[in-house]
Amino acid sequence: MEVLFKLKELCSEPKRAITIIFITPVTVFLAYFKFRIFPLLGKKLPPGSLGLPLIGESISFVMAHKHDKTVDWIQKHVNKYGPVFKTSLMGSNAVFLTGQAGNRFISSGRDNGIASNQVGTAGGILGKHSIFELPGPRQKIVGGAIMNFLKPERIQRFVSVMDSLVQQEMFQELSVRDTVKMVTLIKKITFNVSCSLLFRLQESKEKDDLFKDFIVAIIGLWAIPLKFPATAYQKALQARGRIPRLLSKLIKGRKKEIDEGSKGSLDDNDLISCLLMLRDENGDPLLEEEIIDNVISVMIASHDKTSVFISHFIRKLVRDTEVFAKMLQGSG
């Protein structure tokens, strides 16, 4: 009898395995429709495609981003669906607004009924208090302070400092080798300029560690949102988690300067000091977490966009001798 019982048990195992194999994808499929598709039914949405279940169009977008063809990816969708289209990226449903009118509408403020939240991966890296995530009046207050700090008149005062930093980095790299990896060097230079402009961070091991963490964190902005060991997104989250340690120390130092009155003018302060002196609609100061999230957001935006632009500019000069000659003629 015991032998017969074991035989029946063995025979039932394949059936159980087949049942599990069948039920699992069906459950995932139904859950996807319940939480991602059903809430959209009956709503007036722009044209577009949400792509594959769970994955969406993340793979094609990441591949385009990896090969510097993000603009081509967006243009392909604009040609097919128009200047406003829906998609699904990094586990989040999203709507793209392109063109000057779309940018102006988003930038006009949160009173227009639009919340320009980032996709889940970007939100996880930038932080929930980032200017890109803040709602309503809070966004206007923080955004206004950041824009005021980055106004052209203030930036002009740093031109000579920027020029000095760029020359210093270039000469330092070329003094020990005949060739350099230009993109890597540009990233380092823009990072150093941003550090000097935003929070007066001097050369140190902490600064070098901060640079490494920022590079890893930036990669995670548009990575596949998999929180498994060794994945790009998990590494980015870990790097992002280390960044506040240094920023918290800088915040305490700037706060001490303000309390002692050693930095009385806004024009003499860095971004951290400006955010520390900022008050909301109730007269309350920003939380340390809010300051950290927004410093990280500005840091990533200024570093990433600038380094990409300069890299493409140098690439253009290398490939187009006519443009290069005209630039030399204009600078001579």
Protein backbone atom coordinates (compact mmCIF):
# COMPACT_ATOMS: atom_id res chain seq x y z
CA MET A 1 0.00 0.00 0.00
CA GLU A 2 2.84 2.36 0.83
CA VAL A 3 4.42 1.67 -2.57
CA LEU A 4 1.12 2.40 -4.37
CA PHE A 5 0.70 5.65 -2.43
CA LYS A 6 4.16 6.84 -3.47
CA LEU A 7 3.46 5.95 -7.10
CA LYS A 8 0.28 8.04 -7.04
CA GLU A 9 2.19 10.91 -5.45
CA LEU A 10 4.85 10.79 -8.17
CA CYS A 11 2.19 10.72 -10.87
CA SER A 12 0.50 13.77 -9.39
CA GLU A 13 3.71 15.86 -9.38
CA PRO A 14 3.77 16.52 -13.17
CA LYS A 15 0.09 17.54 -13.05
CA ARG A 16 0.82 19.92 -10.19
CA ALA A 17 3.77 21.41 -12.07
CA ILE A 18 1.69 21.87 -15.22
CA THR A 19 -1.05 23.54 -13.18
CA ILE A 20 1.43 25.95 -11.58
CA ILE A 21 3.02 26.75 -14.96
CA PHE A 22 -0.42 27.52 -16.39
CA ILE A 23 -1.78 29.51 -13.44
CA THR A 24 1.27 31.74 -12.89
CA PRO A 25 1.24 33.62 -16.24
CA VAL A 26 -2.55 33.84 -16.15
CA THR A 27 -2.40 35.40 -12.67
CA VAL A 28 0.28 37.88 -13.76
CA PHE A 29 -1.71 38.75 -16.89
CA LEU A 30 -4.93 39.34 -14.92
CA ALA A 31 -3.09 41.41 -12.30
CA TYR A 32 -1.57 43.54 -15.05
CA PHE A 33 -4.97 44.25 -16.55
CA LYS A 34 -6.53 44.94 -13.16
CA PHE A 35 -3.94 47.46 -11.98
CA ARG A 36 -2.59 48.88 -15.24
CA ILE A 37 -5.26 48.60 -17.92
CA PHE A 38 -8.69 48.69 -16.21
CA PRO A 39 -8.01 52.07 -14.47
CA LEU A 40 -7.44 53.59 -17.92
CA LEU A 41 -10.65 52.32 -19.49
CA GLY A 42 -13.21 55.01 -20.19
CA LYS A 43 -10.65 57.81 -19.87
CA LYS A 44 -9.76 60.11 -22.74
CA LEU A 45 -6.07 59.42 -23.34
CA PRO A 46 -3.75 60.55 -26.13
CA PRO A 47 -2.84 58.06 -28.88
CA GLY A 48 0.08 55.74 -28.39
CA SER A 49 1.02 52.27 -27.23
CA LEU A 50 1.66 50.86 -23.76
CA GLY A 51 3.77 48.12 -25.30
CA LEU A 52 4.18 44.72 -23.69
CA PRO A 53 2.63 43.88 -20.30
CA LEU A 54 4.86 45.04 -17.41
CA ILE A 55 7.77 45.82 -19.75
CA GLY A 56 5.98 48.42 -21.85
CA GLU A 57 8.36 50.07 -24.33
CA SER A 58 11.23 50.15 -21.85
CA ILE A 59 13.60 47.94 -23.85
CA SER A 60 13.41 49.97 -27.06
CA PHE A 61 13.73 53.21 -25.10
CA VAL A 62 16.76 52.03 -23.10
CA MET A 63 18.47 50.78 -26.27
CA ALA A 64 17.85 54.12 -27.96
CA HIS A 65 19.18 55.97 -24.91
CA LYS A 66 22.26 53.74 -24.79
CA HIS A 67 23.11 54.55 -28.42
CA ASP A 68 22.35 58.30 -28.09
CA LYS A 69 19.21 57.94 -30.22
CA THR A 70 16.61 59.05 -27.68
CA VAL A 71 15.57 61.93 -29.93
CA ASP A 72 15.07 59.50 -32.81
CA TRP A 73 12.95 57.27 -30.56
CA ILE A 74 10.74 60.20 -29.60
CA GLN A 75 10.53 61.50 -33.18
CA LYS A 76 9.43 58.07 -34.40
CA HIS A 77 6.54 58.16 -31.93
CA VAL A 78 5.69 61.77 -32.85
CA ASN A 79 5.53 60.82 -36.52
CA LYS A 80 3.20 57.94 -35.70
CA TYR A 81 1.00 59.39 -32.94
CA GLY A 82 1.52 63.17 -32.95
CA PRO A 83 3.23 65.62 -30.54
CA VAL A 84 1.36 64.17 -27.52
CA PHE A 85 1.45 60.41 -27.03
CA LYS A 86 1.17 57.81 -24.29
CA THR A 87 3.59 55.00 -23.55
CA SER A 88 4.82 52.83 -20.68
CA LEU A 89 8.41 53.14 -19.45
CA MET A 90 10.24 51.60 -16.50
CA GLY A 91 7.05 50.21 -15.00
CA SER A 92 5.10 53.49 -15.23
CA ASN A 93 2.47 54.72 -17.66
CA ALA A 94 3.61 58.03 -19.11
CA VAL A 95 2.56 60.78 -21.51
CA PHE A 96 5.09 62.64 -23.67
CA LEU A 97 4.46 66.29 -24.56
CA THR A 98 6.84 67.53 -27.23
CA GLY A 99 7.49 70.86 -28.91
CA GLN A 100 7.61 74.42 -27.61
CA ALA A 101 3.90 74.56 -26.77
CA GLY A 102 4.10 71.37 -24.69
CA ASN A 103 7.20 72.52 -22.81
CA ARG A 104 5.68 75.93 -22.15
CA PHE A 105 2.49 74.33 -20.86
CA ILE A 106 4.34 72.04 -18.44
CA SER A 107 6.66 74.83 -17.29
CA SER A 108 3.78 77.21 -16.62
CA GLY A 109 3.14 75.61 -13.22
CA ARG A 110 1.07 72.92 -11.56
CA ASP A 111 -2.14 74.97 -11.58
CA ASN A 112 -2.82 73.76 -15.12
CA GLY A 113 -3.91 70.34 -13.85
CA ILE A 114 -0.79 68.58 -15.10
CA ALA A 115 1.62 66.83 -12.73
CA SER A 116 4.93 66.30 -14.57
CA ASN A 117 6.08 63.42 -12.37
CA GLN A 118 8.98 61.36 -13.59
CA VAL A 119 8.81 57.65 -14.35
CA GLY A 120 9.28 55.38 -11.35
CA THR A 121 13.02 54.84 -11.81
CA ALA A 122 13.79 58.55 -12.14
CA GLY A 123 11.56 59.36 -9.18
CA GLY A 124 13.40 56.79 -7.08
CA ILE A 125 16.77 58.36 -7.89
CA LEU A 126 15.78 62.03 -7.68
CA GLY A 127 13.69 61.62 -4.51
CA LYS A 128 10.07 62.30 -3.59
CA HIS A 129 10.84 65.92 -2.63
CA SER A 130 12.53 66.69 -5.96
CA ILE A 131 11.32 69.76 -7.84
CA PHE A 132 10.21 67.34 -10.56
CA GLU A 133 7.91 65.57 -8.12
CA LEU A 134 6.61 68.37 -5.87
CA PRO A 135 2.96 69.41 -6.21
CA GLY A 136 1.32 72.85 -6.41
CA PRO A 137 2.56 75.73 -4.25
CA ARG A 138 5.53 73.78 -2.91
CA GLN A 139 6.89 73.35 -6.43
CA LYS A 140 6.54 77.06 -7.15
CA ILE A 141 8.41 78.05 -3.98
CA VAL A 142 11.31 75.63 -4.42
CA GLY A 143 11.41 76.05 -8.20
CA GLY A 144 11.45 79.83 -7.86
CA ALA A 145 14.37 79.70 -5.43
CA ILE A 146 16.38 77.40 -7.71
CA MET A 147 15.68 79.52 -10.79
CA ASN A 148 16.63 82.66 -8.90
CA PHE A 149 19.91 81.06 -7.85
CA LEU A 150 20.67 80.01 -11.43
CA LYS A 151 19.74 83.35 -13.03
CA PRO A 152 22.12 84.53 -15.81
CA GLU A 153 23.58 87.41 -13.77
CA ARG A 154 24.77 84.98 -11.10
CA ILE A 155 26.11 82.45 -13.61
CA GLN A 156 28.14 85.19 -15.33
CA ARG A 157 30.06 85.74 -12.11
CA PHE A 158 31.28 82.15 -12.26
CA VAL A 159 32.52 82.21 -15.88
CA SER A 160 36.12 82.92 -14.90
CA VAL A 161 35.98 80.19 -12.24
CA MET A 162 34.56 77.72 -14.77
CA ASP A 163 37.26 78.62 -17.29
CA SER A 164 39.96 78.09 -14.68
CA LEU A 165 38.55 74.72 -13.62
CA VAL A 166 38.29 73.49 -17.22
CA GLN A 167 41.89 74.47 -18.01
CA GLN A 168 43.14 72.94 -14.77
CA GLU A 169 41.44 69.60 -15.46
CA MET A 170 42.56 69.52 -19.11
CA PHE A 171 46.20 70.31 -18.34
CA GLN A 172 46.24 67.85 -15.46
CA GLU A 173 44.97 65.01 -17.66
CA LEU A 174 47.24 65.82 -20.63
CA SER A 175 50.32 66.18 -18.43
CA VAL A 176 50.38 62.46 -17.66
CA ARG A 177 49.12 61.01 -20.97
CA ASP A 178 49.01 61.82 -24.68
CA THR A 179 45.34 60.98 -25.19
CA VAL A 180 42.28 61.17 -22.98
CA LYS A 181 38.76 59.73 -23.06
CA MET A 182 36.93 62.94 -23.82
CA VAL A 183 33.45 61.94 -22.63
CA THR A 184 34.81 60.73 -19.28
CA LEU A 185 36.87 63.90 -18.89
CA ILE A 186 33.91 66.12 -19.76
CA LYS A 187 31.77 64.38 -17.15
CA LYS A 188 34.43 64.97 -14.53
CA ILE A 189 34.87 68.63 -15.51
CA THR A 190 31.14 69.39 -15.47
CA PHE A 191 30.85 67.63 -12.12
CA ASN A 192 33.64 69.76 -10.63
CA VAL A 193 32.12 72.95 -12.01
CA SER A 194 28.71 71.99 -10.61
CA CYS A 195 30.23 71.19 -7.21
CA SER A 196 31.94 74.60 -7.08
CA LEU A 197 28.83 76.45 -8.21
CA LEU A 198 26.22 74.59 -6.17
CA PHE A 199 27.89 73.93 -2.83
CA ARG A 200 31.52 75.05 -2.82
CA LEU A 201 32.88 71.53 -2.44
CA GLN A 202 36.67 71.45 -2.61
CA GLU A 203 38.95 68.68 -3.89
CA SER A 204 38.91 65.70 -1.54
CA LYS A 205 38.39 61.95 -1.42
CA GLU A 206 34.76 62.64 -0.50
CA LYS A 207 34.36 64.58 -3.73
CA ASP A 208 35.86 61.72 -5.76
CA ASP A 209 33.52 59.23 -4.08
CA LEU A 210 30.58 61.57 -4.70
CA PHE A 211 31.47 61.72 -8.40
CA LYS A 212 31.50 57.93 -8.67
CA ASP A 213 28.12 57.65 -6.94
CA PHE A 214 26.58 60.32 -9.16
CA ILE A 215 27.69 58.52 -12.32
CA VAL A 216 26.14 55.25 -11.09
CA ALA A 217 22.96 57.05 -9.98
CA ILE A 218 22.55 58.75 -13.37
CA ILE A 219 22.74 55.39 -15.15
CA GLY A 220 19.83 54.21 -13.01
CA LEU A 221 17.53 57.05 -14.12
CA TRP A 222 16.50 55.12 -17.22
CA ALA A 223 17.43 51.58 -16.23
CA ILE A 224 15.04 48.66 -16.16
CA PRO A 225 13.41 48.84 -12.67
CA LEU A 226 14.69 45.54 -11.34
CA LYS A 227 15.71 45.60 -7.67
CA PHE A 228 17.88 42.51 -7.80
CA PRO A 229 21.57 42.37 -6.79
CA ALA A 230 23.98 43.53 -9.51
CA THR A 231 21.26 45.15 -11.67
CA ALA A 232 21.89 48.72 -12.86
CA TYR A 233 18.86 50.07 -11.01
CA GLN A 234 19.75 48.39 -7.72
CA LYS A 235 23.32 49.72 -7.95
CA ALA A 236 21.93 53.19 -8.70
CA LEU A 237 19.67 53.09 -5.66
CA GLN A 238 22.59 52.03 -3.45
CA ALA A 239 24.78 54.83 -4.84
CA ARG A 240 21.95 57.33 -4.37
CA GLY A 241 21.61 56.18 -0.78
CA ARG A 242 25.23 57.09 -0.07
CA ILE A 243 25.05 60.62 -1.50
CA PRO A 244 23.01 62.21 1.37
CA ARG A 245 25.78 61.42 3.87
CA LEU A 246 28.08 64.07 2.42
CA LEU A 247 25.26 66.51 1.60
CA SER A 248 23.97 66.29 5.17
CA LYS A 249 27.42 67.26 6.44
CA LEU A 250 27.51 70.22 4.02
CA ILE A 251 24.02 71.31 5.11
CA LYS A 252 25.08 71.37 8.76
CA GLY A 253 28.13 73.46 7.85
CA ARG A 254 26.11 75.98 5.83
CA LYS A 255 23.49 76.20 8.56
CA LYS A 256 26.21 77.03 11.07
CA GLU A 257 27.49 79.78 8.77
CA ILE A 258 24.00 81.27 8.49
CA ASP A 259 23.41 81.11 12.26
CA GLU A 260 26.73 82.84 12.89
CA GLY A 261 25.98 85.48 10.26
CA SER A 262 29.14 84.81 8.26
CA LYS A 263 27.14 84.62 5.03
CA GLY A 264 24.74 87.52 5.01
CA SER A 265 24.08 88.06 1.30
CA LEU A 266 22.24 85.67 -0.96
CA ASP A 267 24.67 86.51 -3.77
CA ASP A 268 27.55 85.12 -1.69
CA ASN A 269 25.85 81.81 -0.94
CA ASP A 270 25.67 78.48 -2.70
CA LEU A 271 22.48 76.59 -3.53
CA ILE A 272 22.42 74.77 -0.19
CA SER A 273 22.52 78.08 1.71
CA CYS A 274 19.74 79.55 -0.45
CA LEU A 275 17.50 76.55 0.22
CA LEU A 276 18.30 76.71 3.93
CA MET A 277 17.16 80.34 4.07
CA LEU A 278 14.01 79.61 2.03
CA ARG A 279 10.65 79.69 3.83
CA ASP A 280 7.40 78.13 2.66
CA GLU A 281 3.93 79.68 2.65
CA ASN A 282 3.65 79.04 6.40
CA GLY A 283 7.03 80.58 7.19
CA ASP A 284 8.63 77.19 7.89
CA PRO A 285 12.08 76.17 6.58
CA LEU A 286 12.55 73.25 4.21
CA LEU A 287 13.27 69.83 5.65
CA GLU A 288 16.81 68.52 5.25
CA GLU A 289 15.45 65.72 3.07
CA GLU A 290 13.83 68.30 0.76
CA ILE A 291 17.10 70.19 0.39
CA ILE A 292 19.03 66.99 -0.32
CA ASP A 293 16.54 65.77 -2.96
CA ASN A 294 16.59 69.10 -4.79
CA VAL A 295 20.37 69.52 -4.65
CA ILE A 296 20.68 66.01 -6.14
CA SER A 297 18.09 66.85 -8.81
CA VAL A 298 19.84 70.06 -9.84
CA MET A 299 23.22 68.34 -9.69
CA ILE A 300 22.13 65.48 -11.94
CA ALA A 301 20.34 67.80 -14.37
CA SER A 302 23.25 70.23 -14.67
CA HIS A 303 25.87 67.50 -14.93
CA ASP A 304 24.09 65.10 -17.29
CA LYS A 305 22.66 67.59 -19.80
CA THR A 306 25.81 69.69 -19.96
CA SER A 307 28.19 66.77 -20.44
CA VAL A 308 25.98 65.28 -23.18
CA PHE A 309 25.75 68.61 -25.01
CA ILE A 310 29.51 69.28 -24.86
CA SER A 311 30.31 65.71 -25.94
CA HIS A 312 28.08 66.04 -29.01
CA PHE A 313 29.59 69.46 -29.74
CA ILE A 314 33.15 68.11 -29.68
CA ARG A 315 32.09 65.14 -31.78
CA LYS A 316 30.69 67.57 -34.35
CA LEU A 317 33.94 69.55 -34.41
CA VAL A 318 36.02 66.40 -34.91
CA ARG A 319 33.89 65.18 -37.80
CA ASP A 320 33.26 68.51 -39.53
CA THR A 321 36.53 70.25 -40.44
CA GLU A 322 34.68 73.26 -41.89
CA VAL A 323 32.87 73.97 -38.63
CA PHE A 324 36.10 73.43 -36.68
CA ALA A 325 37.95 75.91 -38.90
CA LYS A 326 35.21 78.52 -38.48
CA MET A 327 35.30 78.09 -34.71
CA LEU A 328 39.07 78.62 -34.64
CA GLN A 329 38.65 81.66 -36.88
CA GLY A 330 36.01 83.10 -34.59
CA SER A 331 38.09 82.55 -31.45
CA GLY A 332 41.25 83.96 -32.97
